[in-house]
Amino acid sequence: MIFDELDNTYAKCFTDNQSLYAMNKRNIAKNKCLQIQKKNLLIHDESLIADCIAKDVCSIVLASEKEVLPRSNCQCEELQSTCNREHSRVLELEAKITKKQQMLAKSENQNSLIQKQFVDLQVKFQNYKECLRNQKVCEQPNAAASNVIFEINKLKAHLRRKMTLSDTYMLRKDILGLLNVGSIESSFETKALETEIAQLKEGLTSLKIQNDGYKIDTQKAEIATLKAEAVDKKNSGPTGTPTKPKVLASG
């Protein structure tokens, strides 16, 4: 009877042991499953942290770009405005240079025309001298002398506009030569011609000073154009290639 109780107790303990062993195995499997879940949760947390950091970095970059872009756009607009102003100034200076050079060209053309007329009159003076030497004067010498005086006065009227001093000296020499030949014998007319020649000399000196002033103004305009071009290049920077203004050569 004692053995039966022992067998029952042993069977009960064995059953409990088996039950505990099975429970232990279940607990071990459940523990492993929980560890896997915990590991997955850690991985998910790390992924969420990385995403949050990336979003924070992106938001910081976007915020900085929003602050930088207006400043950059403002600087670009200022540079563009400066370039436009300098370009307009260059165009104005080019127009001034063109105007000055047209004035110089016109003066040179007038000078060439007057020099041609002067040469023609020299030929007439020479012919008149030859006529006097060969005693082939016409029957009305006073009329011929008047014609010569008219030609001389006409030449002086042209020379008052533009002629060099050397041409004036040649003209004075030719006039005095005519006076020495005897075509004009009145001392009063001789003094009047000398006075007009002196006035003509002063007028030519004034014209020469005015011509030199035109040349100085043209040179100043060219220098201002070069400076404006340099400022334009400096403001445009290495990325831009501004159009180079055409600078006309001075006369």
Protein backbone atom coordinates (compact mmCIF):
# COMPACT_ATOMS: atom_id res chain seq x y z
CA MET A 1 0.00 0.00 0.00
CA ILE A 2 2.90 2.31 0.69
CA PHE A 3 4.36 1.48 -2.69
CA ASP A 4 1.11 2.40 -4.39
CA GLU A 5 1.15 5.81 -2.72
CA LEU A 6 4.76 6.27 -3.74
CA ASP A 7 3.92 5.29 -7.30
CA ASN A 8 1.06 7.71 -7.36
CA THR A 9 3.24 10.48 -5.90
CA TYR A 10 5.98 9.75 -8.39
CA ALA A 11 3.52 9.68 -11.27
CA LYS A 12 2.08 12.96 -10.09
CA CYS A 13 5.56 14.52 -9.79
CA PHE A 14 6.54 13.16 -13.16
CA THR A 15 3.39 14.62 -14.67
CA ASP A 16 4.08 17.97 -13.02
CA ASN A 17 7.68 17.86 -14.19
CA GLN A 18 6.58 17.17 -17.73
CA SER A 19 4.11 19.99 -17.50
CA LEU A 20 6.80 22.35 -16.16
CA TYR A 21 9.25 21.27 -18.84
CA ALA A 22 6.67 21.92 -21.55
CA MET A 23 5.86 25.28 -19.97
CA ASN A 24 9.58 26.07 -19.83
CA LYS A 25 9.98 25.30 -23.49
CA ARG A 26 7.01 27.50 -24.29
CA ASN A 27 8.47 30.25 -22.17
CA ILE A 28 11.86 29.90 -23.92
CA ALA A 29 10.19 30.08 -27.35
CA LYS A 30 8.10 33.04 -26.21
CA ASN A 31 11.25 34.72 -24.85
CA LYS A 32 13.03 34.25 -28.16
CA CYS A 33 10.02 35.70 -29.98
CA LEU A 34 10.04 38.69 -27.65
CA GLN A 35 13.77 39.20 -28.21
CA ILE A 36 13.21 39.15 -31.98
CA GLN A 37 10.39 41.66 -31.60
CA LYS A 38 12.58 43.82 -29.38
CA LYS A 39 15.38 43.70 -31.98
CA ASN A 40 12.94 44.65 -34.72
CA LEU A 41 11.64 47.50 -32.58
CA LEU A 42 15.22 48.75 -32.06
CA ILE A 43 15.85 48.61 -35.79
CA HIS A 44 12.59 50.47 -36.42
CA ASP A 45 13.53 53.06 -33.79
CA GLU A 46 16.94 53.59 -35.42
CA SER A 47 15.26 53.99 -38.79
CA LEU A 48 12.83 56.53 -37.35
CA ILE A 49 15.71 58.43 -35.71
CA ALA A 50 17.62 58.50 -39.04
CA ASP A 51 14.51 59.74 -40.83
CA CYS A 52 14.00 62.47 -38.23
CA ILE A 53 17.63 63.56 -38.54
CA ALA A 54 17.36 63.64 -42.34
CA LYS A 55 14.16 65.69 -42.12
CA ASP A 56 15.78 68.09 -39.68
CA VAL A 57 18.79 68.52 -41.96
CA CYS A 58 16.53 69.05 -44.97
CA SER A 59 14.45 71.64 -43.11
CA ILE A 60 17.61 73.47 -42.01
CA VAL A 61 18.95 73.50 -45.59
CA LEU A 62 15.64 74.74 -46.96
CA ALA A 63 15.47 77.46 -44.33
CA SER A 64 19.02 78.58 -45.13
CA GLU A 65 18.26 78.61 -48.87
CA LYS A 66 15.19 80.75 -48.23
CA GLU A 67 17.42 83.24 -46.42
CA VAL A 68 20.29 83.13 -48.94
CA LEU A 69 18.27 83.30 -52.16
CA PRO A 70 16.74 86.76 -51.54
CA ARG A 71 20.17 88.16 -50.75
CA SER A 72 21.65 86.54 -53.85
CA ASN A 73 18.80 87.81 -56.02
CA CYS A 74 19.22 91.31 -54.56
CA GLN A 75 22.94 91.28 -55.34
CA CYS A 76 22.28 90.06 -58.90
CA GLU A 77 19.71 92.82 -59.43
CA GLU A 78 22.17 95.44 -58.15
CA LEU A 79 24.92 94.14 -60.44
CA GLN A 80 22.52 94.08 -63.39
CA SER A 81 21.40 97.63 -62.65
CA THR A 82 25.03 98.79 -62.39
CA CYS A 83 25.89 97.06 -65.68
CA ASN A 84 22.92 98.70 -67.38
CA ARG A 85 23.92 102.13 -66.11
CA GLU A 86 27.52 101.67 -67.24
CA HIS A 87 26.38 100.39 -70.64
CA SER A 88 24.15 103.44 -71.09
CA ARG A 89 27.06 105.66 -70.11
CA VAL A 90 29.29 103.92 -72.65
CA LEU A 91 26.70 104.49 -75.38
CA GLU A 92 26.46 108.18 -74.45
CA LEU A 93 30.25 108.54 -74.56
CA GLU A 94 30.39 106.79 -77.94
CA ALA A 95 27.77 109.22 -79.27
CA LYS A 96 29.83 112.17 -77.99
CA ILE A 97 32.99 110.75 -79.57
CA THR A 98 31.19 110.25 -82.88
CA LYS A 99 29.90 113.82 -82.78
CA LYS A 100 33.36 115.22 -82.02
CA GLN A 101 34.94 113.17 -84.79
CA GLN A 102 32.27 114.32 -87.26
CA MET A 103 33.08 117.90 -86.33
CA LEU A 104 36.79 117.22 -86.84
CA ALA A 105 36.14 115.53 -90.19
CA LYS A 106 34.00 118.48 -91.30
CA SER A 107 36.74 120.90 -90.25
CA GLU A 108 39.35 118.88 -92.13
CA ASN A 109 37.18 118.82 -95.25
CA GLN A 110 36.71 122.59 -95.05
CA ASN A 111 40.45 123.00 -94.57
CA SER A 112 41.18 120.85 -97.62
CA LEU A 113 38.71 122.84 -99.71
CA ILE A 114 40.24 126.14 -98.60
CA GLN A 115 43.74 124.88 -99.31
CA LYS A 116 42.64 123.87 -102.82
CA GLN A 117 41.14 127.31 -103.38
CA PHE A 118 44.33 128.85 -102.05
CA VAL A 119 46.42 126.86 -104.54
CA ASP A 120 44.11 127.95 -107.36
CA LEU A 121 44.52 131.59 -106.35
CA GLN A 122 48.28 131.16 -106.17
CA VAL A 123 48.20 130.00 -109.75
CA LYS A 124 46.13 133.07 -110.68
CA PHE A 125 48.62 135.33 -108.85
CA GLN A 126 51.50 133.71 -110.67
CA ASN A 127 49.78 134.15 -114.01
CA TYR A 128 49.12 137.77 -113.19
CA LYS A 129 52.80 138.29 -112.34
CA GLU A 130 53.81 136.69 -115.63
CA CYS A 131 51.46 138.98 -117.48
CA LEU A 132 53.02 141.98 -115.81
CA ARG A 133 56.53 140.79 -116.58
CA ASN A 134 55.69 140.15 -120.22
CA GLN A 135 53.90 143.52 -120.48
CA LYS A 136 50.68 141.85 -121.53
CA VAL A 137 48.46 143.84 -119.25
CA CYS A 138 45.03 144.62 -120.61
CA GLU A 139 43.88 148.14 -121.51
CA GLN A 140 42.17 148.66 -118.14
CA PRO A 141 44.79 147.94 -115.47
CA ASN A 142 42.64 149.42 -112.72
CA ALA A 143 39.87 146.92 -113.48
CA ALA A 144 42.42 144.05 -113.42
CA ALA A 145 43.74 145.29 -110.09
CA SER A 146 40.22 145.45 -108.73
CA ASN A 147 39.66 141.85 -109.83
CA VAL A 148 42.81 140.80 -108.03
CA ILE A 149 41.71 142.62 -104.86
CA PHE A 150 38.31 140.89 -105.14
CA GLU A 151 40.00 137.50 -105.37
CA ILE A 152 42.23 138.36 -102.38
CA ASN A 153 39.24 139.41 -100.25
CA LYS A 154 37.37 136.27 -101.28
CA LEU A 155 40.31 134.15 -100.21
CA LYS A 156 40.49 135.98 -96.87
CA ALA A 157 36.81 135.31 -96.23
CA HIS A 158 37.45 131.58 -96.67
CA LEU A 159 40.62 131.68 -94.63
CA ARG A 160 38.81 133.25 -91.66
CA ARG A 161 37.00 129.94 -91.17
CA LYS A 162 40.00 127.56 -91.16
CA MET A 163 43.65 127.61 -92.29
CA THR A 164 47.08 127.01 -90.77
CA LEU A 165 49.50 129.85 -89.96
CA SER A 166 51.96 128.68 -92.58
CA ASP A 167 49.36 129.19 -95.32
CA THR A 168 48.71 132.69 -93.96
CA TYR A 169 52.38 133.57 -94.23
CA MET A 170 52.44 132.29 -97.83
CA LEU A 171 49.34 134.36 -98.61
CA ARG A 172 50.90 137.47 -97.03
CA LYS A 173 54.07 136.90 -99.07
CA ASP A 174 52.09 136.62 -102.31
CA ILE A 175 50.04 139.72 -101.51
CA LEU A 176 53.15 141.71 -100.70
CA GLY A 177 54.67 140.42 -103.94
CA LEU A 178 51.70 141.76 -105.83
CA LEU A 179 52.05 145.04 -104.02
CA ASN A 180 55.73 145.20 -104.95
CA VAL A 181 54.93 144.54 -108.62
CA GLY A 182 52.92 147.72 -108.72
CA SER A 183 49.42 146.51 -109.36
CA ILE A 184 48.18 148.41 -106.25
CA GLU A 185 50.02 151.64 -105.68
CA SER A 186 47.93 153.29 -103.01
CA SER A 187 49.54 153.37 -99.55
CA PHE A 188 46.11 153.52 -97.93
CA GLU A 189 45.05 150.21 -99.53
CA THR A 190 48.42 148.70 -98.58
CA LYS A 191 47.91 149.56 -94.90
CA ALA A 192 44.34 148.28 -95.04
CA LEU A 193 45.52 144.96 -96.47
CA GLU A 194 48.23 144.64 -93.82
CA THR A 195 45.65 145.34 -91.11
CA GLU A 196 43.34 142.69 -92.54
CA ILE A 197 46.22 140.23 -92.69
CA ALA A 198 46.98 140.86 -88.99
CA GLN A 199 43.32 140.30 -88.13
CA LEU A 200 43.31 137.17 -90.23
CA LYS A 201 46.34 135.88 -88.33
CA GLU A 202 44.54 136.40 -85.00
CA GLY A 203 41.45 134.63 -86.34
CA LEU A 204 43.52 131.66 -87.50
CA THR A 205 45.19 131.44 -84.08
CA SER A 206 41.74 131.32 -82.45
CA LEU A 207 40.63 128.60 -84.87
CA LYS A 208 43.72 126.57 -84.10
CA ILE A 209 43.02 126.83 -80.35
CA GLN A 210 39.41 125.75 -80.97
CA ASN A 211 40.57 122.79 -83.06
CA ASP A 212 42.98 121.73 -80.32
CA GLY A 213 40.07 121.97 -77.84
CA TYR A 214 38.04 119.60 -80.02
CA LYS A 215 40.90 117.10 -79.99
CA ILE A 216 41.28 117.35 -76.19
CA ASP A 217 37.53 116.80 -75.70
CA THR A 218 37.68 113.75 -77.95
CA GLN A 219 40.60 112.28 -76.00
CA LYS A 220 38.80 112.89 -72.70
CA ALA A 221 35.69 111.16 -74.05
CA GLU A 222 37.78 108.15 -75.16
CA ILE A 223 39.42 107.90 -71.71
CA ALA A 224 36.01 108.04 -70.03
CA THR A 225 34.78 105.29 -72.37
CA LEU A 226 37.72 103.05 -71.47
CA LYS A 227 37.09 103.61 -67.75
CA ALA A 228 33.41 102.81 -68.14
CA GLU A 229 34.29 99.66 -70.07
CA ALA A 230 36.65 98.56 -67.27
CA VAL A 231 33.93 99.13 -64.64
CA ASP A 232 31.47 97.19 -66.80
CA LYS A 233 33.85 94.22 -67.02
CA LYS A 234 34.50 94.34 -63.26
CA ASN A 235 30.79 94.34 -62.41
CA SER A 236 29.86 91.64 -64.91
CA GLY A 237 32.28 89.14 -63.30
CA PRO A 238 33.87 86.03 -64.91
CA THR A 239 30.51 84.46 -65.86
CA GLY A 240 29.41 87.26 -68.14
CA THR A 241 30.96 88.46 -71.35
CA PRO A 242 29.68 92.03 -71.85
CA THR A 243 29.73 93.51 -75.25
CA LYS A 244 32.80 95.57 -75.83
CA PRO A 245 31.91 99.11 -76.91
CA LYS A 246 33.37 100.28 -80.11
CA VAL A 247 35.81 103.14 -79.42
CA LEU A 248 36.49 105.33 -82.38
CA ALA A 249 40.01 106.61 -83.00
CA SER A 250 40.59 110.32 -82.47
CA GLY A 251 41.16 112.53 -85.47
